[in-house]
Amino acid sequence: MRIGQYRISACLCVALLICLATTVLAEEKAEKKSGKKAAAANDDNDGNRLPAHFGDLVDDSQREAIYKIQDEFRPQIEELEAKLTAARDKMRAAMRDVLTPEQQKKLDDALAKAKKGKGGAKAKRAKAKKPAAEATNAS
């Protein structure tokens, strides 16, 4: 009987150690990630980022040349993005004008609901996935 109690105690101790080790590793991983983000934010590159897959290819001088190119094109891109936003807003207003006042009210309600995160296409997809997931878990 005494041997059984020792085995149970030993198993509980091992389980506790595993839980603690897992927690410590998870915290270290989170600290490393936040440290990388902080280091990236502190870089003296004015918010520039290398395009995808460039990081392993370029040396420091090439990196700086790419950052300089990005700085040269940034004002032009920002201007175009502002024009694009204005054009989209104008298009949405024109599409809204096609609707009846009742439809406009329904649209406003739907947009407000989506903005709160309670409705919209994203919520409908989540609701559709939920019953399927529950059915899978039940079997």
N, C-alpha and C. Protein backbone atom coordinates (compact mmCIF):
# COMPACT_ATOMS: atom_id res chain seq x y z
N MET A 1 0.83 -1.18 0.00
CA MET A 1 0.00 0.00 0.00
C MET A 1 0.88 1.26 0.00
N ARG A 2 1.95 1.22 0.77
CA ARG A 2 2.83 2.37 0.87
C ARG A 2 3.53 2.65 -0.46
N ILE A 3 3.89 1.62 -1.20
CA ILE A 3 4.55 1.78 -2.50
C ILE A 3 3.62 2.49 -3.47
N GLY A 4 2.34 2.16 -3.44
CA GLY A 4 1.35 2.80 -4.31
C GLY A 4 1.25 4.29 -4.04
N GLN A 5 1.31 4.67 -2.77
CA GLN A 5 1.25 6.09 -2.43
C GLN A 5 2.48 6.83 -2.94
N TYR A 6 3.64 6.19 -2.85
CA TYR A 6 4.86 6.81 -3.36
C TYR A 6 4.79 6.98 -4.88
N ARG A 7 4.25 5.99 -5.56
CA ARG A 7 4.12 6.09 -7.02
C ARG A 7 3.19 7.24 -7.40
N ILE A 8 2.08 7.35 -6.70
CA ILE A 8 1.14 8.43 -6.99
C ILE A 8 1.81 9.78 -6.72
N SER A 9 2.52 9.87 -5.61
CA SER A 9 3.22 11.12 -5.28
C SER A 9 4.27 11.45 -6.34
N ALA A 10 5.00 10.44 -6.77
CA ALA A 10 6.03 10.65 -7.78
C ALA A 10 5.41 11.11 -9.10
N CYS A 11 4.30 10.48 -9.49
CA CYS A 11 3.62 10.86 -10.73
C CYS A 11 3.11 12.30 -10.66
N LEU A 12 2.55 12.67 -9.52
CA LEU A 12 2.07 14.04 -9.35
C LEU A 12 3.21 15.05 -9.42
N CYS A 13 4.34 14.70 -8.83
CA CYS A 13 5.51 15.59 -8.88
C CYS A 13 6.01 15.76 -10.31
N VAL A 14 6.07 14.67 -11.05
CA VAL A 14 6.51 14.73 -12.44
C VAL A 14 5.54 15.58 -13.26
N ALA A 15 4.25 15.39 -13.06
CA ALA A 15 3.25 16.18 -13.78
C ALA A 15 3.39 17.66 -13.46
N LEU A 16 3.61 17.98 -12.19
CA LEU A 16 3.79 19.37 -11.78
C LEU A 16 5.03 19.97 -12.43
N LEU A 17 6.12 19.23 -12.46
CA LEU A 17 7.34 19.72 -13.09
C LEU A 17 7.14 19.98 -14.58
N ILE A 18 6.42 19.09 -15.25
CA ILE A 18 6.14 19.28 -16.68
C ILE A 18 5.33 20.55 -16.90
N CYS A 19 4.32 20.76 -16.07
CA CYS A 19 3.50 21.97 -16.19
C CYS A 19 4.33 23.23 -15.98
N LEU A 20 5.16 23.22 -14.97
CA LEU A 20 6.00 24.38 -14.69
C LEU A 20 6.99 24.64 -15.82
N ALA A 21 7.61 23.59 -16.33
CA ALA A 21 8.58 23.74 -17.41
C ALA A 21 7.90 24.30 -18.66
N THR A 22 6.71 23.82 -18.96
CA THR A 22 5.97 24.31 -20.12
C THR A 22 5.64 25.78 -19.98
N THR A 23 5.22 26.18 -18.79
CA THR A 23 4.89 27.58 -18.54
C THR A 23 6.12 28.47 -18.70
N VAL A 24 7.23 28.04 -18.15
CA VAL A 24 8.47 28.83 -18.24
C VAL A 24 8.90 28.96 -19.70
N LEU A 25 8.84 27.89 -20.46
CA LEU A 25 9.23 27.94 -21.87
C LEU A 25 8.32 28.87 -22.65
N ALA A 26 7.03 28.83 -22.37
CA ALA A 26 6.08 29.71 -23.07
C ALA A 26 6.37 31.17 -22.76
N GLU A 27 6.69 31.47 -21.50
CA GLU A 27 7.01 32.84 -21.12
C GLU A 27 8.29 33.32 -21.80
N GLU A 28 9.30 32.44 -21.88
CA GLU A 28 10.55 32.81 -22.53
C GLU A 28 10.32 33.10 -24.01
N LYS A 29 9.49 32.29 -24.65
CA LYS A 29 9.18 32.49 -26.06
C LYS A 29 8.49 33.83 -26.27
N ALA A 30 7.55 34.15 -25.39
CA ALA A 30 6.82 35.43 -25.49
C ALA A 30 7.78 36.60 -25.29
N GLU A 31 8.71 36.47 -24.35
CA GLU A 31 9.68 37.53 -24.11
C GLU A 31 10.58 37.73 -25.32
N LYS A 32 11.00 36.64 -25.95
CA LYS A 32 11.84 36.74 -27.14
C LYS A 32 11.11 37.46 -28.25
N LYS A 33 9.83 37.11 -28.46
CA LYS A 33 9.05 37.76 -29.51
C LYS A 33 8.91 39.25 -29.24
N SER A 34 8.59 39.62 -28.01
CA SER A 34 8.42 41.03 -27.69
C SER A 34 9.76 41.76 -27.80
N GLY A 35 10.84 41.07 -27.48
CA GLY A 35 12.17 41.66 -27.61
C GLY A 35 12.53 41.92 -29.06
N LYS A 36 12.17 41.01 -29.95
CA LYS A 36 12.42 41.20 -31.38
C LYS A 36 11.61 42.37 -31.91
N LYS A 37 10.35 42.47 -31.49
CA LYS A 37 9.51 43.58 -31.94
C LYS A 37 10.08 44.91 -31.46
N ALA A 38 10.53 44.95 -30.22
CA ALA A 38 11.10 46.18 -29.68
C ALA A 38 12.37 46.55 -30.43
N ALA A 39 13.20 45.55 -30.72
CA ALA A 39 14.43 45.82 -31.46
C ALA A 39 14.12 46.32 -32.86
N ALA A 40 13.13 45.73 -33.49
CA ALA A 40 12.75 46.17 -34.83
C ALA A 40 12.21 47.59 -34.80
N ALA A 41 11.47 47.92 -33.77
CA ALA A 41 10.91 49.27 -33.65
C ALA A 41 12.00 50.29 -33.40
N ASN A 42 13.07 49.88 -32.74
CA ASN A 42 14.15 50.80 -32.42
C ASN A 42 15.15 50.97 -33.55
N ASP A 43 15.07 50.15 -34.58
CA ASP A 43 15.97 50.29 -35.71
C ASP A 43 15.84 51.68 -36.30
N ASP A 44 16.93 52.19 -36.81
CA ASP A 44 16.93 53.55 -37.37
C ASP A 44 16.63 53.49 -38.86
N ASN A 45 15.46 52.94 -39.22
CA ASN A 45 15.12 52.84 -40.63
C ASN A 45 13.80 53.51 -40.94
N ASP A 46 13.32 54.37 -40.05
CA ASP A 46 12.11 55.17 -40.26
C ASP A 46 10.91 54.33 -40.68
N GLY A 47 10.75 53.16 -40.12
CA GLY A 47 9.58 52.34 -40.41
C GLY A 47 9.69 51.55 -41.70
N ASN A 48 10.83 51.58 -42.35
CA ASN A 48 10.99 50.81 -43.58
C ASN A 48 11.11 49.34 -43.26
N ARG A 49 10.61 48.53 -44.17
CA ARG A 49 10.74 47.08 -44.03
C ARG A 49 11.18 46.52 -45.36
N LEU A 50 11.96 45.48 -45.29
CA LEU A 50 12.36 44.82 -46.52
C LEU A 50 11.17 44.05 -47.09
N PRO A 51 11.09 43.98 -48.41
CA PRO A 51 10.03 43.16 -49.02
C PRO A 51 10.22 41.69 -48.63
N ALA A 52 9.17 40.92 -48.80
CA ALA A 52 9.21 39.50 -48.45
C ALA A 52 10.38 38.81 -49.16
N HIS A 53 11.07 37.98 -48.43
CA HIS A 53 12.16 37.12 -48.90
C HIS A 53 13.46 37.88 -49.20
N PHE A 54 13.51 39.19 -48.94
CA PHE A 54 14.73 39.95 -49.17
C PHE A 54 15.70 39.83 -48.00
N GLY A 55 15.17 39.62 -46.80
CA GLY A 55 15.98 39.66 -45.59
C GLY A 55 17.20 38.75 -45.60
N ASP A 56 17.04 37.55 -46.14
CA ASP A 56 18.16 36.60 -46.16
C ASP A 56 19.10 36.83 -47.34
N LEU A 57 18.71 37.70 -48.27
CA LEU A 57 19.48 37.87 -49.49
C LEU A 57 20.42 39.07 -49.48
N VAL A 58 20.04 40.13 -48.80
CA VAL A 58 20.77 41.39 -48.93
C VAL A 58 21.75 41.61 -47.78
N ASP A 59 22.82 42.36 -48.10
CA ASP A 59 23.76 42.75 -47.04
C ASP A 59 23.34 44.13 -46.51
N ASP A 60 24.10 44.68 -45.58
CA ASP A 60 23.71 45.93 -44.94
C ASP A 60 23.64 47.10 -45.92
N SER A 61 24.58 47.18 -46.86
CA SER A 61 24.56 48.30 -47.81
C SER A 61 23.36 48.20 -48.75
N GLN A 62 23.03 46.98 -49.16
CA GLN A 62 21.85 46.79 -50.00
C GLN A 62 20.58 47.12 -49.23
N ARG A 63 20.56 46.74 -47.96
CA ARG A 63 19.41 47.03 -47.10
C ARG A 63 19.18 48.55 -47.03
N GLU A 64 20.26 49.29 -46.81
CA GLU A 64 20.15 50.75 -46.73
C GLU A 64 19.71 51.34 -48.07
N ALA A 65 20.21 50.78 -49.18
CA ALA A 65 19.80 51.27 -50.51
C ALA A 65 18.30 51.04 -50.72
N ILE A 66 17.81 49.89 -50.29
CA ILE A 66 16.38 49.59 -50.42
C ILE A 66 15.56 50.54 -49.55
N TYR A 67 16.02 50.82 -48.34
CA TYR A 67 15.32 51.76 -47.46
C TYR A 67 15.27 53.15 -48.11
N LYS A 68 16.37 53.54 -48.75
CA LYS A 68 16.41 54.85 -49.41
C LYS A 68 15.40 54.90 -50.56
N ILE A 69 15.31 53.83 -51.33
CA ILE A 69 14.34 53.75 -52.43
C ILE A 69 12.93 53.85 -51.88
N GLN A 70 12.66 53.14 -50.79
CA GLN A 70 11.33 53.21 -50.18
C GLN A 70 11.01 54.63 -49.72
N ASP A 71 12.01 55.31 -49.15
CA ASP A 71 11.81 56.69 -48.71
C ASP A 71 11.50 57.61 -49.88
N GLU A 72 12.15 57.37 -51.04
CA GLU A 72 11.91 58.19 -52.22
C GLU A 72 10.49 58.03 -52.75
N PHE A 73 9.98 56.80 -52.73
CA PHE A 73 8.67 56.52 -53.31
C PHE A 73 7.51 56.71 -52.32
N ARG A 74 7.81 56.78 -51.03
CA ARG A 74 6.76 56.86 -50.02
C ARG A 74 5.77 58.02 -50.25
N PRO A 75 6.23 59.26 -50.52
CA PRO A 75 5.26 60.34 -50.72
C PRO A 75 4.31 60.09 -51.90
N GLN A 76 4.85 59.57 -52.98
CA GLN A 76 4.03 59.28 -54.16
C GLN A 76 2.99 58.20 -53.83
N ILE A 77 3.40 57.17 -53.12
CA ILE A 77 2.49 56.08 -52.75
C ILE A 77 1.42 56.59 -51.79
N GLU A 78 1.82 57.41 -50.82
CA GLU A 78 0.84 57.96 -49.87
C GLU A 78 -0.20 58.82 -50.58
N GLU A 79 0.26 59.60 -51.57
CA GLU A 79 -0.66 60.44 -52.35
C GLU A 79 -1.64 59.57 -53.13
N LEU A 80 -1.13 58.51 -53.75
CA LEU A 80 -2.01 57.61 -54.51
C LEU A 80 -2.99 56.89 -53.60
N GLU A 81 -2.53 56.48 -52.41
CA GLU A 81 -3.42 55.82 -51.46
C GLU A 81 -4.53 56.75 -51.01
N ALA A 82 -4.20 58.03 -50.81
CA ALA A 82 -5.22 59.01 -50.43
C ALA A 82 -6.25 59.18 -51.54
N LYS A 83 -5.77 59.22 -52.80
CA LYS A 83 -6.70 59.33 -53.94
C LYS A 83 -7.58 58.09 -54.03
N LEU A 84 -7.00 56.93 -53.80
CA LEU A 84 -7.75 55.68 -53.85
C LEU A 84 -8.82 55.65 -52.77
N THR A 85 -8.47 56.08 -51.57
CA THR A 85 -9.45 56.14 -50.48
C THR A 85 -10.59 57.09 -50.83
N ALA A 86 -10.24 58.24 -51.39
CA ALA A 86 -11.28 59.21 -51.78
C ALA A 86 -12.18 58.63 -52.86
N ALA A 87 -11.60 57.93 -53.84
CA ALA A 87 -12.40 57.32 -54.91
C ALA A 87 -13.32 56.24 -54.35
N ARG A 88 -12.82 55.45 -53.41
CA ARG A 88 -13.66 54.40 -52.80
C ARG A 88 -14.82 55.03 -52.01
N ASP A 89 -14.52 56.09 -51.27
CA ASP A 89 -15.58 56.77 -50.51
C ASP A 89 -16.64 57.32 -51.45
N LYS A 90 -16.20 57.91 -52.56
CA LYS A 90 -17.13 58.47 -53.54
C LYS A 90 -17.98 57.36 -54.16
N MET A 91 -17.36 56.22 -54.46
CA MET A 91 -18.08 55.08 -55.03
C MET A 91 -19.12 54.56 -54.04
N ARG A 92 -18.74 54.43 -52.78
CA ARG A 92 -19.68 53.93 -51.77
C ARG A 92 -20.87 54.88 -51.61
N ALA A 93 -20.59 56.18 -51.65
CA ALA A 93 -21.67 57.16 -51.54
C ALA A 93 -22.62 57.05 -52.73
N ALA A 94 -22.05 56.87 -53.94
CA ALA A 94 -22.89 56.73 -55.13
C ALA A 94 -23.73 55.46 -55.06
N MET A 95 -23.15 54.37 -54.57
CA MET A 95 -23.91 53.12 -54.44
C MET A 95 -25.00 53.27 -53.39
N ARG A 96 -24.72 53.99 -52.33
CA ARG A 96 -25.71 54.21 -51.28
C ARG A 96 -26.88 55.03 -51.82
N ASP A 97 -26.60 55.98 -52.72
CA ASP A 97 -27.65 56.81 -53.29
C ASP A 97 -28.65 56.00 -54.12
N VAL A 98 -28.24 54.83 -54.58
CA VAL A 98 -29.14 53.96 -55.36
C VAL A 98 -30.22 53.36 -54.45
N LEU A 99 -29.92 53.21 -53.16
CA LEU A 99 -30.84 52.56 -52.22
C LEU A 99 -31.99 53.49 -51.83
N THR A 100 -33.09 52.85 -51.45
CA THR A 100 -34.22 53.61 -50.90
C THR A 100 -33.87 54.02 -49.47
N PRO A 101 -34.58 54.99 -48.91
CA PRO A 101 -34.30 55.38 -47.52
C PRO A 101 -34.39 54.21 -46.54
N GLU A 102 -35.35 53.32 -46.76
CA GLU A 102 -35.48 52.15 -45.89
C GLU A 102 -34.26 51.24 -46.02
N GLN A 103 -33.79 51.03 -47.24
CA GLN A 103 -32.61 50.20 -47.46
C GLN A 103 -31.37 50.86 -46.85
N GLN A 104 -31.30 52.18 -46.97
CA GLN A 104 -30.17 52.90 -46.38
C GLN A 104 -30.14 52.71 -44.86
N LYS A 105 -31.30 52.74 -44.24
CA LYS A 105 -31.40 52.52 -42.79
C LYS A 105 -30.91 51.12 -42.44
N LYS A 106 -31.37 50.12 -43.22
CA LYS A 106 -30.94 48.74 -42.98
C LYS A 106 -29.43 48.61 -43.17
N LEU A 107 -28.90 49.29 -44.18
CA LEU A 107 -27.46 49.26 -44.42
C LEU A 107 -26.72 49.88 -43.24
N ASP A 108 -27.20 51.02 -42.76
CA ASP A 108 -26.57 51.67 -41.61
C ASP A 108 -26.57 50.75 -40.39
N ASP A 109 -27.70 50.07 -40.16
CA ASP A 109 -27.80 49.15 -39.03
C ASP A 109 -26.81 47.99 -39.18
N ALA A 110 -26.74 47.44 -40.40
CA ALA A 110 -25.82 46.31 -40.65
C ALA A 110 -24.37 46.75 -40.47
N LEU A 111 -24.04 47.94 -40.95
CA LEU A 111 -22.66 48.43 -40.80
C LEU A 111 -22.32 48.69 -39.34
N ALA A 112 -23.28 49.25 -38.60
CA ALA A 112 -23.04 49.49 -37.17
C ALA A 112 -22.85 48.18 -36.42
N LYS A 113 -23.67 47.19 -36.77
CA LYS A 113 -23.57 45.88 -36.13
C LYS A 113 -22.23 45.23 -36.45
N ALA A 114 -21.81 45.33 -37.70
CA ALA A 114 -20.53 44.75 -38.11
C ALA A 114 -19.37 45.46 -37.42
N LYS A 115 -19.50 46.77 -37.25
CA LYS A 115 -18.43 47.53 -36.61
C LYS A 115 -18.26 47.11 -35.16
N LYS A 116 -19.36 46.77 -34.50
CA LYS A 116 -19.29 46.30 -33.11
C LYS A 116 -18.77 44.88 -33.03
N GLY A 117 -18.72 44.18 -34.15
CA GLY A 117 -18.23 42.81 -34.16
C GLY A 117 -19.29 41.79 -33.83
N LYS A 118 -20.55 42.21 -33.79
CA LYS A 118 -21.62 41.28 -33.43
C LYS A 118 -22.27 40.64 -34.64
N GLY A 119 -22.01 41.14 -35.79
CA GLY A 119 -22.68 40.61 -36.97
C GLY A 119 -21.74 40.66 -38.16
N GLY A 120 -22.32 40.67 -39.31
CA GLY A 120 -21.52 40.73 -40.51
C GLY A 120 -21.09 39.37 -40.98
N ALA A 121 -20.41 39.36 -42.10
CA ALA A 121 -20.00 38.11 -42.74
C ALA A 121 -19.08 37.29 -41.85
N LYS A 122 -18.18 37.96 -41.14
CA LYS A 122 -17.23 37.24 -40.29
C LYS A 122 -17.95 36.47 -39.19
N ALA A 123 -18.91 37.11 -38.55
CA ALA A 123 -19.67 36.45 -37.48
C ALA A 123 -20.52 35.31 -38.04
N LYS A 124 -21.09 35.51 -39.22
CA LYS A 124 -21.90 34.44 -39.82
C LYS A 124 -21.04 33.22 -40.14
N ARG A 125 -19.82 33.46 -40.62
CA ARG A 125 -18.93 32.32 -40.90
C ARG A 125 -18.56 31.60 -39.61
N ALA A 126 -18.33 32.36 -38.56
CA ALA A 126 -17.97 31.76 -37.27
C ALA A 126 -19.13 30.93 -36.73
N LYS A 127 -20.36 31.45 -36.86
CA LYS A 127 -21.53 30.70 -36.41
C LYS A 127 -21.70 29.43 -37.22
N ALA A 128 -21.43 29.49 -38.52
CA ALA A 128 -21.57 28.32 -39.38
C ALA A 128 -20.53 27.26 -39.02
N LYS A 129 -19.34 27.68 -38.64
CA LYS A 129 -18.29 26.73 -38.28
C LYS A 129 -18.54 26.10 -36.92
N LYS A 130 -19.15 26.84 -36.01
CA LYS A 130 -19.35 26.36 -34.64
C LYS A 130 -20.14 25.06 -34.58
N PRO A 131 -21.32 24.94 -35.23
CA PRO A 131 -22.05 23.67 -35.15
C PRO A 131 -21.27 22.51 -35.75
N ALA A 132 -20.51 22.78 -36.81
CA ALA A 132 -19.71 21.72 -37.42
C ALA A 132 -18.63 21.25 -36.46
N ALA A 133 -18.02 22.18 -35.75
CA ALA A 133 -16.98 21.82 -34.79
C ALA A 133 -17.57 21.05 -33.62
N GLU A 134 -18.76 21.46 -33.17
CA GLU A 134 -19.41 20.75 -32.06
C GLU A 134 -19.79 19.34 -32.47
N ALA A 135 -20.23 19.17 -33.70
CA ALA A 135 -20.60 17.84 -34.19
C ALA A 135 -19.37 16.95 -34.26
N THR A 136 -18.23 17.52 -34.64
CA THR A 136 -16.99 16.76 -34.71
C THR A 136 -16.55 16.35 -33.32
N ASN A 137 -16.67 17.26 -32.35
CA ASN A 137 -16.25 16.96 -30.97
C ASN A 137 -17.17 15.94 -30.32
N ALA A 138 -18.44 15.90 -30.71
CA ALA A 138 -19.39 14.99 -30.10
C ALA A 138 -19.14 13.55 -30.52
N SER A 139 -18.56 13.36 -31.70
CA SER A 139 -18.34 11.98 -32.17
C SER A 139 -17.06 11.38 -31.70
